[in-house]
């Protein structure tokens, strides 16, 4: 089940990145490289904001070390997710641009 979810995430990220790149190229803005990375990498910002919301509304953690460990683990996961999603978006957009030009 988790493998199917990861495949679905990859497919959605590539499609979103291609759509963002297509809109940029249609507006004659040829600086698509960083935009393709950031439009997919922003997923990690949403995930981190959700972890903050979850921490304050659903957990009973109160100690300093628990808080540091929770947020340290969350930020590391979100950085990895952002790099993975951004690289996947850039790869998909790069393939798309090389196919249409």
N, C-alpha and C. Protein backbone atom coordinates (compact mmCIF):
# COMPACT_ATOMS: atom_id res chain seq x y z
N UNK A 1 0.82 -1.19 0.00
CA UNK A 1 0.00 0.00 0.00
C UNK A 1 0.87 1.26 0.00
N UNK A 2 1.93 1.27 0.80
CA UNK A 2 2.81 2.45 0.86
C UNK A 2 3.52 2.68 -0.47
N UNK A 3 3.90 1.61 -1.14
CA UNK A 3 4.55 1.74 -2.45
C UNK A 3 3.60 2.39 -3.45
N UNK A 4 2.34 2.02 -3.41
CA UNK A 4 1.35 2.62 -4.31
C UNK A 4 1.18 4.11 -4.01
N UNK A 5 1.21 4.48 -2.74
CA UNK A 5 1.07 5.88 -2.35
C UNK A 5 2.29 6.68 -2.83
N UNK A 6 3.47 6.11 -2.70
CA UNK A 6 4.68 6.81 -3.16
C UNK A 6 4.65 6.98 -4.68
N UNK A 7 4.21 5.95 -5.40
CA UNK A 7 4.09 6.07 -6.86
C UNK A 7 3.07 7.15 -7.24
N UNK A 8 1.97 7.21 -6.52
CA UNK A 8 0.96 8.23 -6.78
C UNK A 8 1.50 9.62 -6.49
N UNK A 9 2.26 9.77 -5.39
CA UNK A 9 2.89 11.04 -5.07
C UNK A 9 3.85 11.46 -6.17
N UNK A 10 4.66 10.54 -6.66
CA UNK A 10 5.61 10.84 -7.73
C UNK A 10 4.88 11.28 -8.99
N UNK A 11 3.82 10.60 -9.34
CA UNK A 11 3.06 10.94 -10.53
C UNK A 11 2.44 12.33 -10.40
N UNK A 12 1.86 12.63 -9.25
CA UNK A 12 1.25 13.94 -9.04
C UNK A 12 2.31 15.04 -9.07
N UNK A 13 3.45 14.82 -8.44
CA UNK A 13 4.51 15.83 -8.43
C UNK A 13 5.01 16.13 -9.84
N UNK A 14 5.21 15.10 -10.63
CA UNK A 14 5.68 15.32 -12.00
C UNK A 14 4.63 16.07 -12.82
N UNK A 15 3.38 15.70 -12.66
CA UNK A 15 2.31 16.37 -13.41
C UNK A 15 2.18 17.84 -13.00
N UNK A 16 2.26 18.13 -11.71
CA UNK A 16 2.18 19.51 -11.24
C UNK A 16 3.37 20.32 -11.76
N UNK A 17 4.53 19.73 -11.72
CA UNK A 17 5.73 20.43 -12.20
C UNK A 17 5.65 20.71 -13.70
N UNK A 18 5.17 19.76 -14.46
CA UNK A 18 5.02 19.97 -15.91
C UNK A 18 4.00 21.05 -16.18
N UNK A 19 2.91 21.07 -15.42
CA UNK A 19 1.89 22.11 -15.61
C UNK A 19 2.45 23.49 -15.28
N UNK A 20 3.18 23.61 -14.18
CA UNK A 20 3.78 24.91 -13.82
C UNK A 20 4.78 25.36 -14.88
N UNK A 21 5.58 24.44 -15.36
CA UNK A 21 6.55 24.78 -16.40
C UNK A 21 5.86 25.19 -17.69
N UNK A 22 4.80 24.50 -18.05
CA UNK A 22 4.06 24.84 -19.26
C UNK A 22 3.46 26.24 -19.16
N UNK A 23 2.91 26.58 -17.99
CA UNK A 23 2.35 27.92 -17.81
C UNK A 23 3.45 28.97 -17.91
N UNK A 24 4.60 28.71 -17.31
CA UNK A 24 5.72 29.67 -17.40
C UNK A 24 6.20 29.83 -18.84
N UNK A 25 6.36 28.72 -19.55
CA UNK A 25 6.83 28.81 -20.94
C UNK A 25 5.78 29.46 -21.84
N UNK A 26 4.52 29.27 -21.54
CA UNK A 26 3.45 29.89 -22.31
C UNK A 26 3.46 31.41 -22.15
N UNK A 27 3.87 31.87 -20.96
CA UNK A 27 3.98 33.31 -20.70
C UNK A 27 5.33 33.86 -21.14
N UNK A 28 6.09 33.06 -21.86
CA UNK A 28 7.41 33.41 -22.38
C UNK A 28 8.42 33.75 -21.28
N UNK A 29 8.29 33.07 -20.18
CA UNK A 29 9.26 33.18 -19.10
C UNK A 29 10.09 31.90 -19.13
N UNK A 30 11.33 32.03 -19.54
CA UNK A 30 12.16 30.85 -19.76
C UNK A 30 13.02 30.49 -18.55
N UNK A 31 12.70 31.04 -17.39
CA UNK A 31 13.42 30.69 -16.16
C UNK A 31 12.63 29.63 -15.40
N UNK A 32 12.52 28.46 -15.97
CA UNK A 32 11.66 27.41 -15.43
C UNK A 32 12.37 26.49 -14.46
N UNK A 33 13.70 26.51 -14.41
CA UNK A 33 14.44 25.52 -13.64
C UNK A 33 14.13 25.59 -12.15
N UNK A 34 14.30 26.77 -11.55
CA UNK A 34 14.06 26.87 -10.11
C UNK A 34 12.57 26.78 -9.79
N UNK A 35 11.74 27.28 -10.69
CA UNK A 35 10.30 27.19 -10.44
C UNK A 35 9.83 25.74 -10.42
N UNK A 36 10.38 24.92 -11.30
CA UNK A 36 9.99 23.51 -11.31
C UNK A 36 10.45 22.81 -10.03
N UNK A 37 11.59 23.23 -9.50
CA UNK A 37 12.06 22.65 -8.24
C UNK A 37 11.20 23.12 -7.07
N UNK A 38 10.92 24.43 -7.02
CA UNK A 38 10.23 24.99 -5.87
C UNK A 38 8.74 24.67 -5.83
N UNK A 39 8.10 24.53 -6.99
CA UNK A 39 6.65 24.26 -6.95
C UNK A 39 6.38 22.87 -6.38
N UNK A 40 7.30 21.96 -6.52
CA UNK A 40 7.12 20.63 -5.91
C UNK A 40 7.76 20.56 -4.53
N UNK A 41 8.85 21.27 -4.34
CA UNK A 41 9.52 21.26 -3.04
C UNK A 41 8.71 21.94 -1.95
N UNK A 42 7.75 22.77 -2.34
CA UNK A 42 6.90 23.45 -1.36
C UNK A 42 5.99 22.48 -0.62
N UNK A 43 5.90 21.26 -1.09
CA UNK A 43 5.14 20.23 -0.38
C UNK A 43 5.69 20.04 1.03
N UNK A 44 6.98 20.16 1.18
CA UNK A 44 7.59 19.95 2.49
C UNK A 44 7.21 21.06 3.46
N UNK A 45 6.95 22.27 2.98
CA UNK A 45 6.51 23.35 3.87
C UNK A 45 5.14 23.01 4.44
N UNK A 46 4.26 22.50 3.60
CA UNK A 46 2.94 22.09 4.07
C UNK A 46 3.05 20.98 5.12
N UNK A 47 3.91 20.02 4.86
CA UNK A 47 4.07 18.91 5.80
C UNK A 47 4.62 19.42 7.13
N UNK A 48 5.57 20.35 7.10
CA UNK A 48 6.12 20.88 8.34
C UNK A 48 5.07 21.68 9.11
N UNK A 49 4.29 22.49 8.40
CA UNK A 49 3.22 23.23 9.08
C UNK A 49 2.20 22.28 9.72
N UNK A 50 1.94 21.16 9.06
CA UNK A 50 1.04 20.18 9.65
C UNK A 50 1.65 19.53 10.89
N UNK A 51 2.96 19.29 10.88
CA UNK A 51 3.58 18.71 12.07
C UNK A 51 3.52 19.68 13.24
N UNK A 52 3.64 20.98 12.98
CA UNK A 52 3.51 21.99 14.04
C UNK A 52 2.07 21.97 14.59
N UNK A 53 1.11 21.94 13.70
CA UNK A 53 -0.29 21.87 14.11
C UNK A 53 -0.56 20.60 14.92
N UNK A 54 -0.04 19.49 14.47
CA UNK A 54 -0.23 18.21 15.16
C UNK A 54 0.41 18.25 16.55
N UNK A 55 1.59 18.86 16.65
CA UNK A 55 2.28 18.92 17.93
C UNK A 55 1.46 19.68 18.96
N UNK A 56 0.91 20.82 18.58
CA UNK A 56 0.20 21.65 19.54
C UNK A 56 -1.22 21.18 19.81
N UNK A 57 -1.84 20.46 18.88
CA UNK A 57 -3.24 20.10 19.06
C UNK A 57 -3.48 18.63 19.39
N UNK A 58 -2.54 17.76 19.10
CA UNK A 58 -2.83 16.33 19.27
C UNK A 58 -1.87 15.58 20.17
N UNK A 59 -0.76 16.15 20.54
CA UNK A 59 0.18 15.42 21.39
C UNK A 59 0.13 15.95 22.81
N UNK A 60 0.66 15.18 23.71
CA UNK A 60 0.73 15.57 25.12
C UNK A 60 2.18 15.82 25.53
N UNK A 61 3.04 16.13 24.58
CA UNK A 61 4.46 16.33 24.90
C UNK A 61 4.63 17.67 25.60
N UNK A 62 5.50 17.66 26.63
CA UNK A 62 5.70 18.89 27.37
C UNK A 62 7.17 19.17 27.69
N UNK A 63 8.01 18.17 27.61
CA UNK A 63 9.40 18.34 27.97
C UNK A 63 10.22 19.00 26.87
N UNK A 64 11.33 19.59 27.27
CA UNK A 64 12.20 20.28 26.31
C UNK A 64 12.82 19.29 25.33
N UNK A 65 13.33 18.17 25.83
CA UNK A 65 13.97 17.19 24.95
C UNK A 65 12.97 16.53 24.00
N UNK A 66 11.76 16.30 24.47
CA UNK A 66 10.73 15.76 23.59
C UNK A 66 10.43 16.72 22.45
N UNK A 67 10.33 18.00 22.77
CA UNK A 67 10.05 19.02 21.75
C UNK A 67 11.20 19.13 20.76
N UNK A 68 12.42 19.15 21.27
CA UNK A 68 13.58 19.25 20.38
C UNK A 68 13.67 18.03 19.48
N UNK A 69 13.45 16.84 20.04
CA UNK A 69 13.52 15.63 19.24
C UNK A 69 12.41 15.61 18.18
N UNK A 70 11.20 15.97 18.57
CA UNK A 70 10.07 15.96 17.64
C UNK A 70 10.31 16.92 16.48
N UNK A 71 10.67 18.15 16.79
CA UNK A 71 10.87 19.13 15.72
C UNK A 71 12.15 18.88 14.94
N UNK A 72 13.18 18.34 15.59
CA UNK A 72 14.40 17.98 14.86
C UNK A 72 14.15 16.88 13.86
N UNK A 73 13.41 15.86 14.27
CA UNK A 73 13.06 14.78 13.36
C UNK A 73 12.15 15.27 12.25
N UNK A 74 11.20 16.14 12.60
CA UNK A 74 10.27 16.67 11.60
C UNK A 74 10.98 17.52 10.57
N UNK A 75 11.90 18.37 11.00
CA UNK A 75 12.59 19.25 10.05
C UNK A 75 13.52 18.44 9.16
N UNK A 76 14.15 17.41 9.71
CA UNK A 76 15.00 16.55 8.87
C UNK A 76 14.18 15.81 7.82
N UNK A 77 13.03 15.29 8.23
CA UNK A 77 12.16 14.61 7.27
C UNK A 77 11.67 15.58 6.20
N UNK A 78 11.31 16.79 6.60
CA UNK A 78 10.78 17.76 5.64
C UNK A 78 11.87 18.25 4.67
N UNK A 79 13.08 18.37 5.13
CA UNK A 79 14.18 18.73 4.23
C UNK A 79 14.40 17.62 3.20
N UNK A 80 14.41 16.38 3.66
CA UNK A 80 14.55 15.25 2.74
C UNK A 80 13.39 15.18 1.76
N UNK A 81 12.18 15.37 2.25
CA UNK A 81 11.00 15.36 1.38
C UNK A 81 11.07 16.48 0.35
N UNK A 82 11.50 17.68 0.79
CA UNK A 82 11.61 18.81 -0.13
C UNK A 82 12.64 18.56 -1.22
N UNK A 83 13.77 17.99 -0.85
CA UNK A 83 14.80 17.69 -1.85
C UNK A 83 14.33 16.60 -2.81
N UNK A 84 13.66 15.57 -2.28
CA UNK A 84 13.14 14.50 -3.13
C UNK A 84 12.09 15.03 -4.10
N UNK A 85 11.12 15.78 -3.56
CA UNK A 85 10.04 16.29 -4.40
C UNK A 85 10.56 17.31 -5.41
N UNK A 86 11.46 18.18 -4.98
CA UNK A 86 12.02 19.17 -5.90
C UNK A 86 12.84 18.53 -7.02
N UNK A 87 13.64 17.54 -6.66
CA UNK A 87 14.44 16.86 -7.69
C UNK A 87 13.55 16.11 -8.66
N UNK A 88 12.50 15.50 -8.15
CA UNK A 88 11.57 14.78 -9.03
C UNK A 88 10.84 15.76 -9.95
N UNK A 89 10.42 16.90 -9.42
CA UNK A 89 9.76 17.90 -10.24
C UNK A 89 10.68 18.47 -11.30
N UNK A 90 11.92 18.74 -10.91
CA UNK A 90 12.88 19.25 -11.89
C UNK A 90 13.17 18.23 -12.98
N UNK A 91 13.31 16.97 -12.59
CA UNK A 91 13.58 15.92 -13.59
C UNK A 91 12.41 15.78 -14.57
N UNK A 92 11.19 15.82 -14.05
CA UNK A 92 10.03 15.72 -14.93
C UNK A 92 9.91 16.91 -15.86
N UNK A 93 10.12 18.11 -15.33
CA UNK A 93 10.05 19.31 -16.16
C UNK A 93 11.18 19.36 -17.18
N UNK A 94 12.34 18.92 -16.77
CA UNK A 94 13.47 18.89 -17.70
C UNK A 94 13.20 17.95 -18.87
N UNK A 95 12.68 16.79 -18.57
CA UNK A 95 12.32 15.84 -19.64
C UNK A 95 11.26 16.43 -20.55
N UNK A 96 10.26 17.11 -19.96
CA UNK A 96 9.19 17.74 -20.73
C UNK A 96 9.74 18.83 -21.65
N UNK A 97 10.61 19.68 -21.13
CA UNK A 97 11.17 20.78 -21.94
C UNK A 97 12.03 20.24 -23.05
N UNK A 98 12.80 19.21 -22.78
CA UNK A 98 13.65 18.64 -23.82
C UNK A 98 12.81 17.91 -24.88
N UNK A 99 11.64 17.43 -24.51
CA UNK A 99 10.76 16.78 -25.49
C UNK A 99 10.05 17.79 -26.39
N UNK A 100 9.67 18.94 -25.83
CA UNK A 100 8.93 19.89 -26.67
C UNK A 100 9.84 20.82 -27.45
N UNK A 101 11.12 20.93 -27.09
CA UNK A 101 12.02 21.79 -27.85
C UNK A 101 13.01 20.96 -28.58
